[in-house]
Amino acid sequence: MYKFLTISPLCGYAKKLLLVLCFLAIFCVTTQAVEIHRWKFDETSGSTVYDSIGGVHGTMYGGAYLSSGAGQFDGSNDYVQLNQTIRLHDEANWTISVWYKGLANYGTGTGGATLVGTLGSSWWASLNLVEGKAKYLHATNNGYEPGWDNLIGTSNVANNQWHNIIIRNYSNRTADVIVDGVVEVSGSSLLAGTPSQDIMSFRLDYFMMGDPGAYTSGALKDVRVFNHTLSNAEISTITSVSVPEPATWISMLLVLVYFLRKKQ
């Protein structure tokens, strides 16, 4: 039954090629970061946005709808609310990746236009846009009241083209803002409070809405959360659509073995 997998009759070149593919398959499998949440926005109907990994599903409200593999938001009353809050501590290694397309170049000062984060008085950290640039907004300890700090990117992501935006946080309380695979800014990601307080965490439970009544226009897709600081090589696999998944490498390997065996 598995006779076609026998590789002993293969020529030397084919054996070497087969060995290379084996190493590629193993590399792709073993270098994958642990992904804990993913909302692809690839549903074709309904108002639910499914978390295919962590089960923290979202519901679209207002006039938000699904089209062309993305959530569409008009900036007036559209948003997604998750069924529970995800907390990412500022002393942990984690990465958030989103894809955004739109013209949300408004938003100045502390806030800006929120892509993912939480609401209102609990708004201690979020991934925002300000004047068209990606921004990691986070509260810092300033006496009894939180101050604010920003890590703001340099390129315009509000030009109605798809852009990948990443926050990469390190356990030493620093972070990078990465746009389309390029690190645009790095700095402190310290959050206010003490380790026992909830506000030490990036709280993720809303998409495309920050303060109540503050909505973001545009399209959002493939929101991903990793419990790992992705390497630059790992990030390149997110920003590139041409890199096969591990299962694809394995499938290619088996097909190659099969056809080489048939030619013997």
C-alpha atoms as a PDB file:
ATOM      1  CA  MET A   1       0.000   0.000   0.000  1.00  0.00           C
ATOM      2  CA  TYR A   2       2.790   2.441   0.906  1.00  0.00           C
ATOM      3  CA  LYS A   3       5.215   1.079  -1.642  1.00  0.00           C
ATOM      4  CA  PHE A   4       5.276   4.384  -3.516  1.00  0.00           C
ATOM      5  CA  LEU A   5       7.004   5.958  -0.494  1.00  0.00           C
ATOM      6  CA  THR A   6      10.090   3.759  -1.003  1.00  0.00           C
ATOM      7  CA  ILE A   7      12.873   6.085  -2.111  1.00  0.00           C
ATOM      8  CA  SER A   8      15.787   3.676  -2.546  1.00  0.00           C
ATOM      9  CA  PRO A   9      15.475   3.421  -6.354  1.00  0.00           C
ATOM     10  CA  LEU A  10      15.493   7.196  -6.772  1.00  0.00           C
ATOM     11  CA  CYS A  11      18.400   8.876  -8.486  1.00  0.00           C
ATOM     12  CA  GLY A  12      20.925  10.837  -6.421  1.00  0.00           C
ATOM     13  CA  TYR A  13      19.544  14.237  -7.491  1.00  0.00           C
ATOM     14  CA  ALA A  14      16.002  13.293  -6.562  1.00  0.00           C
ATOM     15  CA  LYS A  15      17.154  12.030  -3.180  1.00  0.00           C
ATOM     16  CA  LYS A  16      18.892  15.329  -2.460  1.00  0.00           C
ATOM     17  CA  LEU A  17      15.821  17.293  -3.500  1.00  0.00           C
ATOM     18  CA  LEU A  18      13.653  15.089  -1.335  1.00  0.00           C
ATOM     19  CA  LEU A  19      15.964  15.654   1.633  1.00  0.00           C
ATOM     20  CA  VAL A  20      15.788  19.435   1.167  1.00  0.00           C
ATOM     21  CA  LEU A  21      11.994  19.350   1.087  1.00  0.00           C
ATOM     22  CA  CYS A  22      11.948  17.243   4.241  1.00  0.00           C
ATOM     23  CA  PHE A  23      14.051  19.834   6.045  1.00  0.00           C
ATOM     24  CA  LEU A  24      11.788  22.627   4.774  1.00  0.00           C
ATOM     25  CA  ALA A  25       8.693  20.826   6.015  1.00  0.00           C
ATOM     26  CA  ILE A  26      10.234  20.217   9.438  1.00  0.00           C
ATOM     27  CA  PHE A  27      11.415  23.836   9.650  1.00  0.00           C
ATOM     28  CA  CYS A  28       7.978  25.222   8.820  1.00  0.00           C
ATOM     29  CA  VAL A  29       6.311  23.046  11.437  1.00  0.00           C
ATOM     30  CA  THR A  30       8.786  23.616  14.252  1.00  0.00           C
ATOM     31  CA  THR A  31       9.225  27.388  13.847  1.00  0.00           C
ATOM     32  CA  GLN A  32       5.563  28.266  14.123  1.00  0.00           C
ATOM     33  CA  ALA A  33       4.771  30.582  17.052  1.00  0.00           C
ATOM     34  CA  VAL A  34       1.904  29.613  19.308  1.00  0.00           C
ATOM     35  CA  GLU A  35      -1.133  31.396  17.929  1.00  0.00           C
ATOM     36  CA  ILE A  36      -3.904  31.730  20.511  1.00  0.00           C
ATOM     37  CA  HIS A  37      -6.597  33.689  18.655  1.00  0.00           C
ATOM     38  CA  ARG A  38      -7.491  34.343  15.035  1.00  0.00           C
ATOM     39  CA  TRP A  39     -10.453  36.133  13.462  1.00  0.00           C
ATOM     40  CA  LYS A  40     -10.185  35.719   9.701  1.00  0.00           C
ATOM     41  CA  PHE A  41     -13.434  37.550   8.797  1.00  0.00           C
ATOM     42  CA  ASP A  42     -13.887  34.981   6.033  1.00  0.00           C
ATOM     43  CA  GLU A  43     -17.481  34.102   6.936  1.00  0.00           C
ATOM     44  CA  THR A  44     -19.937  34.521   4.097  1.00  0.00           C
ATOM     45  CA  SER A  45     -23.052  35.481   6.066  1.00  0.00           C
ATOM     46  CA  GLY A  46     -24.400  36.321   9.488  1.00  0.00           C
ATOM     47  CA  SER A  47     -23.135  38.695  12.155  1.00  0.00           C
ATOM     48  CA  THR A  48     -20.687  36.377  13.949  1.00  0.00           C
ATOM     49  CA  VAL A  49     -16.930  36.646  13.461  1.00  0.00           C
ATOM     50  CA  TYR A  50     -15.424  33.345  14.577  1.00  0.00           C
ATOM     51  CA  ASP A  51     -12.173  32.902  16.476  1.00  0.00           C
ATOM     52  CA  SER A  52     -10.915  29.761  14.743  1.00  0.00           C
ATOM     53  CA  ILE A  53      -8.322  29.000  17.442  1.00  0.00           C
ATOM     54  CA  GLY A  54      -9.320  30.362  20.854  1.00  0.00           C
ATOM     55  CA  GLY A  55     -13.106  30.310  20.615  1.00  0.00           C
ATOM     56  CA  VAL A  56     -13.507  33.966  21.625  1.00  0.00           C
ATOM     57  CA  HIS A  57     -16.055  34.827  18.957  1.00  0.00           C
ATOM     58  CA  GLY A  58     -17.196  38.321  18.052  1.00  0.00           C
ATOM     59  CA  THR A  59     -20.527  39.843  17.070  1.00  0.00           C
ATOM     60  CA  MET A  60     -20.857  42.670  14.563  1.00  0.00           C
ATOM     61  CA  TYR A  61     -23.132  45.568  15.453  1.00  0.00           C
ATOM     62  CA  GLY A  62     -24.484  48.635  13.696  1.00  0.00           C
ATOM     63  CA  GLY A  63     -24.285  48.303   9.957  1.00  0.00           C
ATOM     64  CA  ALA A  64     -21.057  46.278   9.890  1.00  0.00           C
ATOM     65  CA  TYR A  65     -21.077  43.485   7.330  1.00  0.00           C
ATOM     66  CA  LEU A  66     -18.834  40.874   5.726  1.00  0.00           C
ATOM     67  CA  SER A  67     -17.599  41.219   2.163  1.00  0.00           C
ATOM     68  CA  SER A  68     -14.581  39.972   0.198  1.00  0.00           C
ATOM     69  CA  GLY A  69     -13.096  38.223   3.218  1.00  0.00           C
ATOM     70  CA  ALA A  70     -13.142  41.284   5.481  1.00  0.00           C
ATOM     71  CA  GLY A  71     -15.364  43.146   7.908  1.00  0.00           C
ATOM     72  CA  GLN A  72     -16.676  46.413   6.485  1.00  0.00           C
ATOM     73  CA  PHE A  73     -17.227  49.372   8.832  1.00  0.00           C
ATOM     74  CA  ASP A  74     -18.653  52.800   7.949  1.00  0.00           C
ATOM     75  CA  GLY A  75     -17.332  54.726  10.951  1.00  0.00           C
ATOM     76  CA  SER A  76     -20.761  55.812  12.179  1.00  0.00           C
ATOM     77  CA  ASN A  77     -21.962  52.977  14.438  1.00  0.00           C
ATOM     78  CA  ASP A  78     -20.224  49.787  13.289  1.00  0.00           C
ATOM     79  CA  TYR A  79     -18.060  47.638  15.536  1.00  0.00           C
ATOM     80  CA  VAL A  80     -17.290  44.102  16.756  1.00  0.00           C
ATOM     81  CA  GLN A  81     -17.631  43.029  20.389  1.00  0.00           C
ATOM     82  CA  LEU A  82     -15.954  39.822  21.575  1.00  0.00           C
ATOM     83  CA  ASN A  83     -17.749  37.418  23.906  1.00  0.00           C
ATOM     84  CA  GLN A  84     -15.013  37.773  26.532  1.00  0.00           C
ATOM     85  CA  THR A  85     -11.990  39.944  27.290  1.00  0.00           C
ATOM     86  CA  ILE A  86      -8.502  38.860  26.264  1.00  0.00           C
ATOM     87  CA  ARG A  87      -5.738  40.182  28.531  1.00  0.00           C
ATOM     88  CA  LEU A  88      -2.122  40.488  27.416  1.00  0.00           C
ATOM     89  CA  HIS A  89       0.191  41.527  30.256  1.00  0.00           C
ATOM     90  CA  ASP A  90       2.801  44.201  29.623  1.00  0.00           C
ATOM     91  CA  GLU A  91       5.510  41.925  31.092  1.00  0.00           C
ATOM     92  CA  ALA A  92       4.671  39.078  28.726  1.00  0.00           C
ATOM     93  CA  ASN A  93       5.809  38.265  25.207  1.00  0.00           C
ATOM     94  CA  TRP A  94       2.986  38.640  22.696  1.00  0.00           C
ATOM     95  CA  THR A  95       2.159  39.869  19.218  1.00  0.00           C
ATOM     96  CA  ILE A  96      -1.024  41.298  17.686  1.00  0.00           C
ATOM     97  CA  SER A  97      -1.381  41.424  13.909  1.00  0.00           C
ATOM     98  CA  VAL A  98      -4.202  43.036  11.908  1.00  0.00           C
ATOM     99  CA  TRP A  99      -4.880  43.886   8.292  1.00  0.00           C
ATOM    100  CA  TYR A 100      -6.530  47.265   7.658  1.00  0.00           C
ATOM    101  CA  LYS A 101      -7.742  49.045   4.537  1.00  0.00           C
ATOM    102  CA  GLY A 102      -9.423  52.427   4.668  1.00  0.00           C
ATOM    103  CA  LEU A 103      -9.196  56.185   4.819  1.00  0.00           C
ATOM    104  CA  ALA A 104      -9.333  56.747   8.590  1.00  0.00           C
ATOM    105  CA  ASN A 105      -6.748  59.545   8.597  1.00  0.00           C
ATOM    106  CA  TYR A 106      -8.658  61.491  11.233  1.00  0.00           C
ATOM    107  CA  GLY A 107      -7.918  61.359  14.942  1.00  0.00           C
ATOM    108  CA  THR A 108      -5.448  63.530  16.784  1.00  0.00           C
ATOM    109  CA  GLY A 109      -4.168  63.901  20.331  1.00  0.00           C
ATOM    110  CA  THR A 110      -4.309  61.046  22.812  1.00  0.00           C
ATOM    111  CA  GLY A 111      -6.957  58.924  21.179  1.00  0.00           C
ATOM    112  CA  GLY A 112      -7.151  58.567  17.449  1.00  0.00           C
ATOM    113  CA  ALA A 113      -9.195  55.914  15.686  1.00  0.00           C
ATOM    114  CA  THR A 114      -9.147  52.506  17.372  1.00  0.00           C
ATOM    115  CA  LEU A 115      -8.613  49.297  15.394  1.00  0.00           C
ATOM    116  CA  VAL A 116      -8.501  46.823  18.309  1.00  0.00           C
ATOM    117  CA  GLY A 117      -8.638  47.392  22.059  1.00  0.00           C
ATOM    118  CA  THR A 118     -11.238  48.146  24.694  1.00  0.00           C
ATOM    119  CA  LEU A 119     -13.568  50.951  25.763  1.00  0.00           C
ATOM    120  CA  GLY A 120     -14.038  53.996  27.914  1.00  0.00           C
ATOM    121  CA  SER A 121     -12.538  54.246  31.390  1.00  0.00           C
ATOM    122  CA  SER A 122     -10.857  50.861  30.885  1.00  0.00           C
ATOM    123  CA  TRP A 123      -9.135  52.104  27.757  1.00  0.00           C
ATOM    124  CA  TRP A 124      -5.589  51.457  28.940  1.00  0.00           C
ATOM    125  CA  ALA A 125      -4.064  50.237  25.718  1.00  0.00           C
ATOM    126  CA  SER A 126      -5.148  49.960  22.105  1.00  0.00           C
ATOM    127  CA  LEU A 127      -3.916  49.766  18.536  1.00  0.00           C
ATOM    128  CA  ASN A 128      -5.035  53.012  16.934  1.00  0.00           C
ATOM    129  CA  LEU A 129      -4.634  55.198  13.896  1.00  0.00           C
ATOM    130  CA  VAL A 130      -3.736  58.860  14.301  1.00  0.00           C
ATOM    131  CA  GLU A 131      -3.541  61.097  11.250  1.00  0.00           C
ATOM    132  CA  GLY A 132      -3.268  57.951   9.149  1.00  0.00           C
ATOM    133  CA  LYS A 133      -0.369  56.395  11.078  1.00  0.00           C
ATOM    134  CA  ALA A 134      -0.371  53.243  13.222  1.00  0.00           C
ATOM    135  CA  LYS A 135      -0.142  53.939  16.955  1.00  0.00           C
ATOM    136  CA  TYR A 136       0.214  51.845  20.091  1.00  0.00           C
ATOM    137  CA  LEU A 137      -1.529  53.919  22.755  1.00  0.00           C
ATOM    138  CA  HIS A 138      -0.897  52.888  26.348  1.00  0.00           C
ATOM    139  CA  ALA A 139      -1.395  54.386  29.805  1.00  0.00           C
ATOM    140  CA  THR A 140       1.628  55.044  32.004  1.00  0.00           C
ATOM    141  CA  ASN A 141       1.798  55.635  35.735  1.00  0.00           C
ATOM    142  CA  ASN A 142       1.700  59.369  36.431  1.00  0.00           C
ATOM    143  CA  GLY A 143       0.961  59.872  40.130  1.00  0.00           C
ATOM    144  CA  TYR A 144      -2.547  58.694  40.942  1.00  0.00           C
ATOM    145  CA  GLU A 145      -3.804  59.210  37.419  1.00  0.00           C
ATOM    146  CA  PRO A 146      -2.554  57.430  34.313  1.00  0.00           C
ATOM    147  CA  GLY A 147      -0.634  59.460  31.819  1.00  0.00           C
ATOM    148  CA  TRP A 148      -0.443  58.457  28.175  1.00  0.00           C
ATOM    149  CA  ASP A 149       2.361  57.317  25.956  1.00  0.00           C
ATOM    150  CA  ASN A 150       2.362  56.583  22.264  1.00  0.00           C
ATOM    151  CA  LEU A 151       4.434  54.596  19.839  1.00  0.00           C
ATOM    152  CA  ILE A 152       3.528  56.109  16.478  1.00  0.00           C
ATOM    153  CA  GLY A 153       4.578  54.711  13.122  1.00  0.00           C
ATOM    154  CA  THR A 154       5.837  56.781  10.222  1.00  0.00           C
ATOM    155  CA  SER A 155       4.000  55.579   7.105  1.00  0.00           C
ATOM    156  CA  ASN A 156       0.471  56.371   5.955  1.00  0.00           C
ATOM    157  CA  VAL A 157      -1.772  53.323   6.355  1.00  0.00           C
ATOM    158  CA  ALA A 158      -4.986  55.250   5.613  1.00  0.00           C
ATOM    159  CA  ASN A 159      -4.596  55.328   1.834  1.00  0.00           C
ATOM    160  CA  ASN A 160      -7.295  52.763   1.015  1.00  0.00           C
ATOM    161  CA  GLN A 161      -4.736  50.005   0.450  1.00  0.00           C
ATOM    162  CA  TRP A 162      -4.314  46.871   2.543  1.00  0.00           C
ATOM    163  CA  HIS A 163      -1.661  47.220   5.239  1.00  0.00           C
ATOM    164  CA  ASN A 164      -0.465  44.777   7.864  1.00  0.00           C
ATOM    165  CA  ILE A 165      -0.025  46.413  11.284  1.00  0.00           C
ATOM    166  CA  ILE A 166       1.667  44.605  14.166  1.00  0.00           C
ATOM    167  CA  ILE A 167       2.342  45.338  17.824  1.00  0.00           C
ATOM    168  CA  ARG A 168       5.185  43.156  19.088  1.00  0.00           C
ATOM    169  CA  ASN A 169       5.542  43.284  22.879  1.00  0.00           C
ATOM    170  CA  TYR A 170       8.510  42.050  24.927  1.00  0.00           C
ATOM    171  CA  SER A 171       8.613  40.915  28.541  1.00  0.00           C
ATOM    172  CA  ASN A 172      10.942  43.823  29.396  1.00  0.00           C
ATOM    173  CA  ARG A 173       8.030  46.215  28.758  1.00  0.00           C
ATOM    174  CA  THR A 174       9.135  47.441  25.372  1.00  0.00           C
ATOM    175  CA  ALA A 175       7.335  47.075  22.069  1.00  0.00           C
ATOM    176  CA  ASP A 176       7.634  47.591  18.322  1.00  0.00           C
ATOM    177  CA  VAL A 177       5.071  48.979  15.904  1.00  0.00           C
ATOM    178  CA  ILE A 178       5.582  47.168  12.598  1.00  0.00           C
ATOM    179  CA  VAL A 179       3.909  48.158   9.327  1.00  0.00           C
ATOM    180  CA  ASP A 180       4.069  45.868   6.306  1.00  0.00           C
ATOM    181  CA  GLY A 181       6.991  43.994   7.828  1.00  0.00           C
ATOM    182  CA  VAL A 182       9.072  47.082   8.689  1.00  0.00           C
ATOM    183  CA  VAL A 183       9.765  48.115  12.294  1.00  0.00           C
ATOM    184  CA  GLU A 184       8.773  51.797  12.292  1.00  0.00           C
ATOM    185  CA  VAL A 185       9.100  52.654  15.981  1.00  0.00           C
ATOM    186  CA  SER A 186      10.211  50.988  19.221  1.00  0.00           C
ATOM    187  CA  GLY A 187       9.950  52.078  22.837  1.00  0.00           C
ATOM    188  CA  SER A 188       8.391  51.575  26.249  1.00  0.00           C
ATOM    189  CA  SER A 189       5.138  49.612  26.532  1.00  0.00           C
ATOM    190  CA  LEU A 190       4.781  50.127  30.295  1.00  0.00           C
ATOM    191  CA  LEU A 191       1.178  50.091  31.517  1.00  0.00           C
ATOM    192  CA  ALA A 192      -0.094  51.885  34.615  1.00  0.00           C
ATOM    193  CA  GLY A 193      -0.853  50.301  37.965  1.00  0.00           C
ATOM    194  CA  THR A 194       0.566  47.360  39.890  1.00  0.00           C
ATOM    195  CA  PRO A 195       0.958  43.751  38.737  1.00  0.00           C
ATOM    196  CA  SER A 196      -2.237  42.770  40.560  1.00  0.00           C
ATOM    197  CA  GLN A 197      -4.335  45.302  38.671  1.00  0.00           C
ATOM    198  CA  ASP A 198      -6.241  44.570  35.505  1.00  0.00           C
ATOM    199  CA  ILE A 199      -4.886  47.711  33.876  1.00  0.00           C
ATOM    200  CA  MET A 200      -1.450  46.136  33.581  1.00  0.00           C
ATOM    201  CA  SER A 201      -2.820  44.295  30.546  1.00  0.00           C
ATOM    202  CA  PHE A 202      -3.646  45.138  26.972  1.00  0.00           C
ATOM    203  CA  ARG A 203      -7.367  44.374  27.071  1.00  0.00           C
ATOM    204  CA  LEU A 204      -8.815  43.172  23.801  1.00  0.00           C
ATOM    205  CA  ASP A 205     -12.597  42.953  23.491  1.00  0.00           C
ATOM    206  CA  TYR A 206     -13.644  45.440  20.768  1.00  0.00           C
ATOM    207  CA  PHE A 207     -12.703  45.999  17.140  1.00  0.00           C
ATOM    208  CA  MET A 208     -13.161  49.348  15.353  1.00  0.00           C
ATOM    209  CA  MET A 209     -14.481  51.238  18.390  1.00  0.00           C
ATOM    210  CA  GLY A 210     -12.561  52.990  21.171  1.00  0.00           C
ATOM    211  CA  ASP A 211     -14.478  55.328  23.442  1.00  0.00           C
ATOM    212  CA  PRO A 212     -18.244  54.666  23.241  1.00  0.00           C
ATOM    213  CA  GLY A 213     -19.448  56.553  20.198  1.00  0.00           C
ATOM    214  CA  ALA A 214     -15.975  56.743  18.612  1.00  0.00           C
ATOM    215  CA  TYR A 215     -15.972  54.453  15.587  1.00  0.00           C
ATOM    216  CA  THR A 216     -13.390  53.721  12.900  1.00  0.00           C
ATOM    217  CA  SER A 217     -14.180  53.414   9.206  1.00  0.00           C
ATOM    218  CA  GLY A 218     -12.607  50.974   6.791  1.00  0.00           C
ATOM    219  CA  ALA A 219     -12.122  47.228   6.339  1.00  0.00           C
ATOM    220  CA  LEU A 220     -10.524  44.850   8.846  1.00  0.00           C
ATOM    221  CA  LYS A 221      -9.456  41.230   8.382  1.00  0.00           C
ATOM    222  CA  ASP A 222      -7.274  38.450   9.768  1.00  0.00           C
ATOM    223  CA  VAL A 223      -6.786  39.719  13.319  1.00  0.00           C
ATOM    224  CA  ARG A 224      -4.291  37.406  15.052  1.00  0.00           C
ATOM    225  CA  VAL A 225      -2.859  37.092  18.569  1.00  0.00           C
ATOM    226  CA  PHE A 226       0.307  35.153  19.456  1.00  0.00           C
ATOM    227  CA  ASN A 227       1.670  34.433  22.940  1.00  0.00           C
ATOM    228  CA  HIS A 228       5.144  35.027  21.524  1.00  0.00           C
ATOM    229  CA  THR A 229       7.183  37.919  20.166  1.00  0.00           C
ATOM    230  CA  LEU A 230       7.259  36.999  16.504  1.00  0.00           C
ATOM    231  CA  SER A 231      10.652  37.074  14.848  1.00  0.00           C
ATOM    232  CA  ASN A 232      11.159  39.140  11.704  1.00  0.00           C
ATOM    233  CA  ALA A 233      11.186  35.898   9.720  1.00  0.00           C
ATOM    234  CA  GLU A 234       7.854  34.858  11.218  1.00  0.00           C
ATOM    235  CA  ILE A 235       6.387  38.275  10.476  1.00  0.00           C
ATOM    236  CA  SER A 236       7.470  37.949   6.850  1.00  0.00           C
ATOM    237  CA  THR A 237       5.249  34.870   6.547  1.00  0.00           C
ATOM    238  CA  ILE A 238       2.286  37.010   7.642  1.00  0.00           C
ATOM    239  CA  THR A 239       2.984  39.908   5.309  1.00  0.00           C
ATOM    240  CA  SER A 240       3.671  37.630   2.321  1.00  0.00           C
ATOM    241  CA  VAL A 241       0.895  35.667   0.645  1.00  0.00           C
ATOM    242  CA  SER A 242       3.332  33.430  -1.232  1.00  0.00           C
ATOM    243  CA  VAL A 243       4.723  31.365   1.667  1.00  0.00           C
ATOM    244  CA  PRO A 244       2.978  27.977   1.937  1.00  0.00           C
ATOM    245  CA  GLU A 245       1.645  26.723   5.241  1.00  0.00           C
ATOM    246  CA  PRO A 246       3.403  23.669   6.779  1.00  0.00           C
ATOM    247  CA  ALA A 247       0.699  21.333   5.511  1.00  0.00           C
ATOM    248  CA  THR A 248       1.365  22.606   1.989  1.00  0.00           C
ATOM    249  CA  TRP A 249       5.051  21.703   2.212  1.00  0.00           C
ATOM    250  CA  ILE A 250       4.171  18.210   3.391  1.00  0.00           C
ATOM    251  CA  SER A 251       1.630  17.791   0.579  1.00  0.00           C
ATOM    252  CA  MET A 252       4.212  18.919  -1.975  1.00  0.00           C
ATOM    253  CA  LEU A 253       6.691  16.439  -0.553  1.00  0.00           C
ATOM    254  CA  LEU A 254       4.307  13.497  -0.844  1.00  0.00           C
ATOM    255  CA  VAL A 255       3.290  14.452  -4.389  1.00  0.00           C
ATOM    256  CA  LEU A 256       6.946  14.680  -5.446  1.00  0.00           C
ATOM    257  CA  VAL A 257       7.753  11.271  -3.979  1.00  0.00           C
ATOM    258  CA  TYR A 258       4.738   9.750  -5.716  1.00  0.00           C
ATOM    259  CA  PHE A 259       5.599  11.045  -9.190  1.00  0.00           C
ATOM    260  CA  LEU A 260       9.295  10.245  -8.889  1.00  0.00           C
ATOM    261  CA  ARG A 261       8.376   6.713  -7.903  1.00  0.00           C
ATOM    262  CA  LYS A 262       6.030   6.352 -10.873  1.00  0.00           C
ATOM    263  CA  LYS A 263       8.867   7.198 -13.252  1.00  0.00           C
ATOM    264  CA  GLN A 264      11.031   4.299 -12.003  1.00  0.00           C
END
